[in-house]
Structures are given as structure tokens and as C-alpha cells.
ModelCIF file with pLDDT and N, C-alpha, C, O atoms, coordinates in Angstrom:
data_MODEL
#
_entry.id   MODEL 
#
_entity.id                         1 
_entity.type                       polymer 
_entity.pdbx_number_of_molecules   1 
#
_entity_poly.entity_id                      1 
_entity_poly.type                           'polypeptide(L)' 
_entity_poly.nstd_linkage                   no 
_entity_poly.nstd_monomer                   no 
_entity_poly.pdbx_seq_one_letter_code       DTWRKSSYSGGGDGNNCVEIATTTTHVAVRDSKA 
_entity_poly.pdbx_seq_one_letter_code_can   DTWRKSSYSGGGDGNNCVEIATTTTHVAVRDSKA 
_entity_poly.pdbx_strand_id                 A 
#
loop_
_entity_poly_seq.entity_id 
_entity_poly_seq.num 
_entity_poly_seq.mon_id 
_entity_poly_seq.hetero 
1 1  ASP n 
1 2  THR n 
1 3  TRP n 
1 4  ARG n 
1 5  LYS n 
1 6  SER n 
1 7  SER n 
1 8  TYR n 
1 9  SER n 
1 10 GLY n 
1 11 GLY n 
1 12 GLY n 
1 13 ASP n 
1 14 GLY n 
1 15 ASN n 
1 16 ASN n 
1 17 CYS n 
1 18 VAL n 
1 19 GLU n 
1 20 ILE n 
1 21 ALA n 
1 22 THR n 
1 23 THR n 
1 24 THR n 
1 25 THR n 
1 26 HIS n 
1 27 VAL n 
1 28 ALA n 
1 29 VAL n 
1 30 ARG n 
1 31 ASP n 
1 32 SER n 
1 33 LYS n 
1 34 ALA n 
#
_struct_asym.id          A 
_struct_asym.entity_id   1 
#
loop_
_ma_qa_metric.id 
_ma_qa_metric.mode 
_ma_qa_metric.name 
_ma_qa_metric.software_group_id 
_ma_qa_metric.type 
1 global pLDDT . pLDDT 
2 local  pLDDT . pLDDT 
#
_ma_qa_metric_global.metric_id      1 
_ma_qa_metric_global.metric_value   79.29 
_ma_qa_metric_global.model_id       1 
_ma_qa_metric_global.ordinal_id     1 
#
loop_
_ma_qa_metric_local.label_asym_id 
_ma_qa_metric_local.label_comp_id 
_ma_qa_metric_local.label_seq_id 
_ma_qa_metric_local.metric_id 
_ma_qa_metric_local.metric_value 
_ma_qa_metric_local.model_id 
_ma_qa_metric_local.ordinal_id 
A ASP 1  2 70.00 1 1  
A THR 2  2 86.00 1 2  
A TRP 3  2 89.00 1 3  
A ARG 4  2 87.00 1 4  
A LYS 5  2 83.00 1 5  
A SER 6  2 69.00 1 6  
A SER 7  2 68.00 1 7  
A TYR 8  2 63.00 1 8  
A SER 9  2 65.00 1 9  
A GLY 10 2 62.00 1 10 
A GLY 11 2 59.00 1 11 
A GLY 12 2 57.00 1 12 
A ASP 13 2 58.00 1 13 
A GLY 14 2 57.00 1 14 
A ASN 15 2 61.00 1 15 
A ASN 16 2 69.00 1 16 
A CYS 17 2 83.00 1 17 
A VAL 18 2 85.00 1 18 
A GLU 19 2 89.00 1 19 
A ILE 20 2 89.00 1 20 
A ALA 21 2 92.00 1 21 
A THR 22 2 90.00 1 22 
A THR 23 2 89.00 1 23 
A THR 24 2 89.00 1 24 
A THR 25 2 92.00 1 25 
A HIS 26 2 93.00 1 26 
A VAL 27 2 93.00 1 27 
A ALA 28 2 93.00 1 28 
A VAL 29 2 91.00 1 29 
A ARG 30 2 89.00 1 30 
A ASP 31 2 86.00 1 31 
A SER 32 2 83.00 1 32 
A LYS 33 2 83.00 1 33 
A ALA 34 2 84.00 1 34 
#
loop_
_atom_site.group_PDB 
_atom_site.id 
_atom_site.type_symbol 
_atom_site.label_atom_id 
_atom_site.label_alt_id 
_atom_site.label_comp_id 
_atom_site.label_asym_id 
_atom_site.label_entity_id 
_atom_site.label_seq_id 
_atom_site.pdbx_PDB_ins_code 
_atom_site.Cartn_x 
_atom_site.Cartn_y 
_atom_site.Cartn_z 
_atom_site.occupancy 
_atom_site.B_iso_or_equiv 
_atom_site.pdbx_formal_charge 
_atom_site.auth_seq_id 
_atom_site.auth_comp_id 
_atom_site.auth_asym_id 
_atom_site.auth_atom_id 
_atom_site.pdbx_PDB_model_num 
ATOM 1   N N  . ASP A 1 1  ? -26.294 16.271 50.450 1.00 70.00 ? 1  ASP A N  1 
ATOM 2   C CA . ASP A 1 1  ? -26.727 15.989 49.221 1.00 70.00 ? 1  ASP A CA 1 
ATOM 3   C C  . ASP A 1 1  ? -28.230 16.646 48.988 1.00 70.00 ? 1  ASP A C  1 
ATOM 4   O O  . ASP A 1 1  ? -28.640 16.681 47.828 1.00 70.00 ? 1  ASP A O  1 
ATOM 5   N N  . THR A 1 2  ? -28.967 17.106 49.924 1.00 86.00 ? 2  THR A N  1 
ATOM 6   C CA . THR A 1 2  ? -30.239 17.898 49.752 1.00 86.00 ? 2  THR A CA 1 
ATOM 7   C C  . THR A 1 2  ? -29.848 19.436 49.908 1.00 86.00 ? 2  THR A C  1 
ATOM 8   O O  . THR A 1 2  ? -29.458 19.773 51.026 1.00 86.00 ? 2  THR A O  1 
ATOM 9   N N  . TRP A 1 3  ? -29.896 20.183 49.138 1.00 89.00 ? 3  TRP A N  1 
ATOM 10  C CA . TRP A 1 3  ? -29.697 21.343 49.192 1.00 89.00 ? 3  TRP A CA 1 
ATOM 11  C C  . TRP A 1 3  ? -30.998 22.163 48.846 1.00 89.00 ? 3  TRP A C  1 
ATOM 12  O O  . TRP A 1 3  ? -31.844 21.579 48.167 1.00 89.00 ? 3  TRP A O  1 
ATOM 13  N N  . ARG A 1 4  ? -31.262 23.572 49.281 1.00 87.00 ? 4  ARG A N  1 
ATOM 14  C CA . ARG A 1 4  ? -32.376 24.289 49.185 1.00 87.00 ? 4  ARG A CA 1 
ATOM 15  C C  . ARG A 1 4  ? -31.989 25.581 49.064 1.00 87.00 ? 4  ARG A C  1 
ATOM 16  O O  . ARG A 1 4  ? -30.971 25.983 49.628 1.00 87.00 ? 4  ARG A O  1 
ATOM 17  N N  . LYS A 1 5  ? -32.878 26.492 48.199 1.00 83.00 ? 5  LYS A N  1 
ATOM 18  C CA . LYS A 1 5  ? -32.539 28.139 48.197 1.00 83.00 ? 5  LYS A CA 1 
ATOM 19  C C  . LYS A 1 5  ? -32.816 28.639 49.499 1.00 83.00 ? 5  LYS A C  1 
ATOM 20  O O  . LYS A 1 5  ? -33.948 28.405 49.920 1.00 83.00 ? 5  LYS A O  1 
ATOM 21  N N  . SER A 1 6  ? -32.041 29.270 50.229 1.00 69.00 ? 6  SER A N  1 
ATOM 22  C CA . SER A 1 6  ? -31.985 29.968 51.448 1.00 69.00 ? 6  SER A CA 1 
ATOM 23  C C  . SER A 1 6  ? -33.457 31.081 51.582 1.00 69.00 ? 6  SER A C  1 
ATOM 24  O O  . SER A 1 6  ? -33.702 31.960 50.756 1.00 69.00 ? 6  SER A O  1 
ATOM 25  N N  . SER A 1 7  ? -34.077 30.862 52.477 1.00 68.00 ? 7  SER A N  1 
ATOM 26  C CA . SER A 1 7  ? -35.266 32.051 52.467 1.00 68.00 ? 7  SER A CA 1 
ATOM 27  C C  . SER A 1 7  ? -34.688 33.050 52.671 1.00 68.00 ? 7  SER A C  1 
ATOM 28  O O  . SER A 1 7  ? -35.396 34.042 52.497 1.00 68.00 ? 7  SER A O  1 
ATOM 29  N N  . TYR A 1 8  ? -33.332 33.318 53.078 1.00 63.00 ? 8  TYR A N  1 
ATOM 30  C CA . TYR A 1 8  ? -32.765 34.791 53.100 1.00 63.00 ? 8  TYR A CA 1 
ATOM 31  C C  . TYR A 1 8  ? -32.234 35.322 51.788 1.00 63.00 ? 8  TYR A C  1 
ATOM 32  O O  . TYR A 1 8  ? -31.741 36.449 51.813 1.00 63.00 ? 8  TYR A O  1 
ATOM 33  N N  . SER A 1 9  ? -32.269 34.678 50.676 1.00 65.00 ? 9  SER A N  1 
ATOM 34  C CA . SER A 1 9  ? -31.833 34.840 49.476 1.00 65.00 ? 9  SER A CA 1 
ATOM 35  C C  . SER A 1 9  ? -32.837 35.915 48.849 1.00 65.00 ? 9  SER A C  1 
ATOM 36  O O  . SER A 1 9  ? -34.029 35.853 49.149 1.00 65.00 ? 9  SER A O  1 
ATOM 37  N N  . GLY A 1 10 ? -32.365 36.893 47.989 1.00 62.00 ? 10 GLY A N  1 
ATOM 38  C CA . GLY A 1 10 ? -33.357 38.027 47.556 1.00 62.00 ? 10 GLY A CA 1 
ATOM 39  C C  . GLY A 1 10 ? -34.052 37.352 46.358 1.00 62.00 ? 10 GLY A C  1 
ATOM 40  O O  . GLY A 1 10 ? -33.782 36.206 46.000 1.00 62.00 ? 10 GLY A O  1 
ATOM 41  N N  . GLY A 1 11 ? -34.930 38.112 45.787 1.00 59.00 ? 11 GLY A N  1 
ATOM 42  C CA . GLY A 1 11 ? -35.713 37.685 44.587 1.00 59.00 ? 11 GLY A CA 1 
ATOM 43  C C  . GLY A 1 11 ? -34.637 37.894 43.282 1.00 59.00 ? 11 GLY A C  1 
ATOM 44  O O  . GLY A 1 11 ? -33.473 37.494 43.317 1.00 59.00 ? 11 GLY A O  1 
ATOM 45  N N  . GLY A 1 12 ? -35.151 38.480 42.319 1.00 57.00 ? 12 GLY A N  1 
ATOM 46  C CA . GLY A 1 12 ? -34.476 38.677 41.264 1.00 57.00 ? 12 GLY A CA 1 
ATOM 47  C C  . GLY A 1 12 ? -34.589 37.404 40.138 1.00 57.00 ? 12 GLY A C  1 
ATOM 48  O O  . GLY A 1 12 ? -35.713 36.921 40.001 1.00 57.00 ? 12 GLY A O  1 
ATOM 49  N N  . ASP A 1 13 ? -33.718 36.962 39.501 1.00 58.00 ? 13 ASP A N  1 
ATOM 50  C CA . ASP A 1 13 ? -33.665 35.891 38.341 1.00 58.00 ? 13 ASP A CA 1 
ATOM 51  C C  . ASP A 1 13 ? -33.632 34.750 38.787 1.00 58.00 ? 13 ASP A C  1 
ATOM 52  O O  . ASP A 1 13 ? -33.696 33.817 37.986 1.00 58.00 ? 13 ASP A O  1 
ATOM 53  N N  . GLY A 1 14 ? -33.507 34.460 40.382 1.00 57.00 ? 14 GLY A N  1 
ATOM 54  C CA . GLY A 1 14 ? -33.463 33.056 40.721 1.00 57.00 ? 14 GLY A CA 1 
ATOM 55  C C  . GLY A 1 14 ? -32.085 32.388 40.588 1.00 57.00 ? 14 GLY A C  1 
ATOM 56  O O  . GLY A 1 14 ? -32.013 31.281 41.121 1.00 57.00 ? 14 GLY A O  1 
ATOM 57  N N  . ASN A 1 15 ? -31.153 32.774 40.076 1.00 61.00 ? 15 ASN A N  1 
ATOM 58  C CA . ASN A 1 15 ? -29.726 32.337 39.683 1.00 61.00 ? 15 ASN A CA 1 
ATOM 59  C C  . ASN A 1 15 ? -28.825 32.950 40.751 1.00 61.00 ? 15 ASN A C  1 
ATOM 60  O O  . ASN A 1 15 ? -27.692 32.470 40.774 1.00 61.00 ? 15 ASN A O  1 
ATOM 61  N N  . ASN A 1 16 ? -29.063 33.825 41.564 1.00 69.00 ? 16 ASN A N  1 
ATOM 62  C CA . ASN A 1 16 ? -28.081 34.610 42.316 1.00 69.00 ? 16 ASN A CA 1 
ATOM 63  C C  . ASN A 1 16 ? -28.717 34.388 43.935 1.00 69.00 ? 16 ASN A C  1 
ATOM 64  O O  . ASN A 1 16 ? -29.410 35.153 44.605 1.00 69.00 ? 16 ASN A O  1 
ATOM 65  N N  . CYS A 1 17 ? -28.260 33.227 44.208 1.00 83.00 ? 17 CYS A N  1 
ATOM 66  C CA . CYS A 1 17 ? -28.958 33.007 45.389 1.00 83.00 ? 17 CYS A CA 1 
ATOM 67  C C  . CYS A 1 17 ? -27.983 32.249 46.355 1.00 83.00 ? 17 CYS A C  1 
ATOM 68  O O  . CYS A 1 17 ? -26.908 31.995 45.812 1.00 83.00 ? 17 CYS A O  1 
ATOM 69  N N  . VAL A 1 18 ? -28.073 31.901 47.424 1.00 85.00 ? 18 VAL A N  1 
ATOM 70  C CA . VAL A 1 18 ? -27.342 31.248 48.506 1.00 85.00 ? 18 VAL A CA 1 
ATOM 71  C C  . VAL A 1 18 ? -28.383 29.797 48.677 1.00 85.00 ? 18 VAL A C  1 
ATOM 72  O O  . VAL A 1 18 ? -29.585 29.717 48.932 1.00 85.00 ? 18 VAL A O  1 
ATOM 73  N N  . GLU A 1 19 ? -27.453 28.842 48.441 1.00 89.00 ? 19 GLU A N  1 
ATOM 74  C CA . GLU A 1 19 ? -28.107 27.488 49.088 1.00 89.00 ? 19 GLU A CA 1 
ATOM 75  C C  . GLU A 1 19 ? -27.838 26.858 50.212 1.00 89.00 ? 19 GLU A C  1 
ATOM 76  O O  . GLU A 1 19 ? -26.655 26.902 50.550 1.00 89.00 ? 19 GLU A O  1 
ATOM 77  N N  . ILE A 1 20 ? -28.687 26.189 51.013 1.00 89.00 ? 20 ILE A N  1 
ATOM 78  C CA . ILE A 1 20 ? -28.270 25.565 52.304 1.00 89.00 ? 20 ILE A CA 1 
ATOM 79  C C  . ILE A 1 20 ? -28.801 24.335 52.347 1.00 89.00 ? 20 ILE A C  1 
ATOM 80  O O  . ILE A 1 20 ? -29.763 24.014 51.649 1.00 89.00 ? 20 ILE A O  1 
ATOM 81  N N  . ALA A 1 21 ? -28.085 23.378 53.352 1.00 92.00 ? 21 ALA A N  1 
ATOM 82  C CA . ALA A 1 21 ? -28.253 22.100 53.441 1.00 92.00 ? 21 ALA A CA 1 
ATOM 83  C C  . ALA A 1 21 ? -27.969 22.096 55.020 1.00 92.00 ? 21 ALA A C  1 
ATOM 84  O O  . ALA A 1 21 ? -27.058 22.740 55.540 1.00 92.00 ? 21 ALA A O  1 
ATOM 85  N N  . THR A 1 22 ? -28.815 21.335 55.662 1.00 90.00 ? 22 THR A N  1 
ATOM 86  C CA . THR A 1 22 ? -28.746 21.077 57.182 1.00 90.00 ? 22 THR A CA 1 
ATOM 87  C C  . THR A 1 22 ? -28.542 19.745 57.434 1.00 90.00 ? 22 THR A C  1 
ATOM 88  O O  . THR A 1 22 ? -28.855 18.862 56.635 1.00 90.00 ? 22 THR A O  1 
ATOM 89  N N  . THR A 1 23 ? -27.925 19.510 58.732 1.00 89.00 ? 23 THR A N  1 
ATOM 90  C CA . THR A 1 23 ? -27.858 18.371 59.379 1.00 89.00 ? 23 THR A CA 1 
ATOM 91  C C  . THR A 1 23 ? -28.219 18.595 60.690 1.00 89.00 ? 23 THR A C  1 
ATOM 92  O O  . THR A 1 23 ? -28.509 19.760 60.959 1.00 89.00 ? 23 THR A O  1 
ATOM 93  N N  . THR A 1 24 ? -28.292 17.578 61.794 1.00 89.00 ? 24 THR A N  1 
ATOM 94  C CA . THR A 1 24 ? -28.699 17.901 62.988 1.00 89.00 ? 24 THR A CA 1 
ATOM 95  C C  . THR A 1 24 ? -27.453 18.882 63.978 1.00 89.00 ? 24 THR A C  1 
ATOM 96  O O  . THR A 1 24 ? -27.615 19.434 65.066 1.00 89.00 ? 24 THR A O  1 
ATOM 97  N N  . THR A 1 25 ? -26.462 18.829 63.271 1.00 92.00 ? 25 THR A N  1 
ATOM 98  C CA . THR A 1 25 ? -25.431 19.542 64.003 1.00 92.00 ? 25 THR A CA 1 
ATOM 99  C C  . THR A 1 25 ? -24.810 20.478 63.376 1.00 92.00 ? 25 THR A C  1 
ATOM 100 O O  . THR A 1 25 ? -24.060 21.254 63.970 1.00 92.00 ? 25 THR A O  1 
ATOM 101 N N  . HIS A 1 26 ? -25.056 20.542 61.965 1.00 93.00 ? 26 HIS A N  1 
ATOM 102 C CA . HIS A 1 26 ? -24.163 21.558 60.970 1.00 93.00 ? 26 HIS A CA 1 
ATOM 103 C C  . HIS A 1 26 ? -25.263 22.215 59.685 1.00 93.00 ? 26 HIS A C  1 
ATOM 104 O O  . HIS A 1 26 ? -26.343 21.820 59.246 1.00 93.00 ? 26 HIS A O  1 
ATOM 105 N N  . VAL A 1 27 ? -24.652 23.032 59.464 1.00 93.00 ? 27 VAL A N  1 
ATOM 106 C CA . VAL A 1 27 ? -25.376 24.191 58.330 1.00 93.00 ? 27 VAL A CA 1 
ATOM 107 C C  . VAL A 1 27 ? -24.379 24.301 57.179 1.00 93.00 ? 27 VAL A C  1 
ATOM 108 O O  . VAL A 1 27 ? -23.286 24.824 57.397 1.00 93.00 ? 27 VAL A O  1 
ATOM 109 N N  . ALA A 1 28 ? -24.679 23.858 56.013 1.00 93.00 ? 28 ALA A N  1 
ATOM 110 C CA . ALA A 1 28 ? -23.560 23.976 54.802 1.00 93.00 ? 28 ALA A CA 1 
ATOM 111 C C  . ALA A 1 28 ? -24.355 24.941 54.102 1.00 93.00 ? 28 ALA A C  1 
ATOM 112 O O  . ALA A 1 28 ? -25.585 24.985 54.113 1.00 93.00 ? 28 ALA A O  1 
ATOM 113 N N  . VAL A 1 29 ? -23.430 25.861 53.375 1.00 91.00 ? 29 VAL A N  1 
ATOM 114 C CA . VAL A 1 29 ? -23.680 27.074 52.443 1.00 91.00 ? 29 VAL A CA 1 
ATOM 115 C C  . VAL A 1 29 ? -22.886 26.886 51.472 1.00 91.00 ? 29 VAL A C  1 
ATOM 116 O O  . VAL A 1 29 ? -21.730 26.517 51.681 1.00 91.00 ? 29 VAL A O  1 
ATOM 117 N N  . ARG A 1 30 ? -23.472 27.159 49.946 1.00 89.00 ? 30 ARG A N  1 
ATOM 118 C CA . ARG A 1 30 ? -22.792 27.402 48.801 1.00 89.00 ? 30 ARG A CA 1 
ATOM 119 C C  . ARG A 1 30 ? -23.590 28.378 47.844 1.00 89.00 ? 30 ARG A C  1 
ATOM 120 O O  . ARG A 1 30 ? -24.751 28.741 48.035 1.00 89.00 ? 30 ARG A O  1 
ATOM 121 N N  . ASP A 1 31 ? -22.828 28.723 46.845 1.00 86.00 ? 31 ASP A N  1 
ATOM 122 C CA . ASP A 1 31 ? -23.476 29.616 46.048 1.00 86.00 ? 31 ASP A CA 1 
ATOM 123 C C  . ASP A 1 31 ? -23.890 28.731 44.455 1.00 86.00 ? 31 ASP A C  1 
ATOM 124 O O  . ASP A 1 31 ? -23.331 27.948 43.687 1.00 86.00 ? 31 ASP A O  1 
ATOM 125 N N  . SER A 1 32 ? -25.297 29.481 44.586 1.00 83.00 ? 32 SER A N  1 
ATOM 126 C CA . SER A 1 32 ? -26.182 28.289 43.590 1.00 83.00 ? 32 SER A CA 1 
ATOM 127 C C  . SER A 1 32 ? -25.570 28.587 42.063 1.00 83.00 ? 32 SER A C  1 
ATOM 128 O O  . SER A 1 32 ? -25.705 27.719 41.199 1.00 83.00 ? 32 SER A O  1 
ATOM 129 N N  . LYS A 1 33 ? -25.000 29.648 41.809 1.00 83.00 ? 33 LYS A N  1 
ATOM 130 C CA . LYS A 1 33 ? -24.064 29.915 40.380 1.00 83.00 ? 33 LYS A CA 1 
ATOM 131 C C  . LYS A 1 33 ? -22.919 28.843 40.284 1.00 83.00 ? 33 LYS A C  1 
ATOM 132 O O  . LYS A 1 33 ? -22.571 28.587 39.132 1.00 83.00 ? 33 LYS A O  1 
ATOM 133 N N  . ALA A 1 34 ? -22.282 28.181 41.278 1.00 84.00 ? 34 ALA A N  1 
ATOM 134 C CA . ALA A 1 34 ? -21.131 27.578 41.129 1.00 84.00 ? 34 ALA A CA 1 
ATOM 135 C C  . ALA A 1 34 ? -21.226 26.482 42.336 1.00 84.00 ? 34 ALA A C  1 
ATOM 136 O O  . ALA A 1 34 ? -20.298 25.696 42.530 1.00 84.00 ? 34 ALA A O  1 
#
């Protein structure tokens, strides 16, 4: 439930980025637009 914009996402309008959430064992990735 704690997502943040990936530091690897480019600039631009801020809507076209990848968000990530981490736990001690896994990394989850999603599209910020959806």
C-alpha cells in the first residue's frame, strides 16, 4: 500500500512513470497511469 515513483522514471509531465513498492523480500512495479 506504499507506492512511490521510481527514481528510474524519466521526467516529463509526471504522469508517465513507474511506481514501485518494496518489502524485505520483494519489489512490486505498476504503471502510475493505471
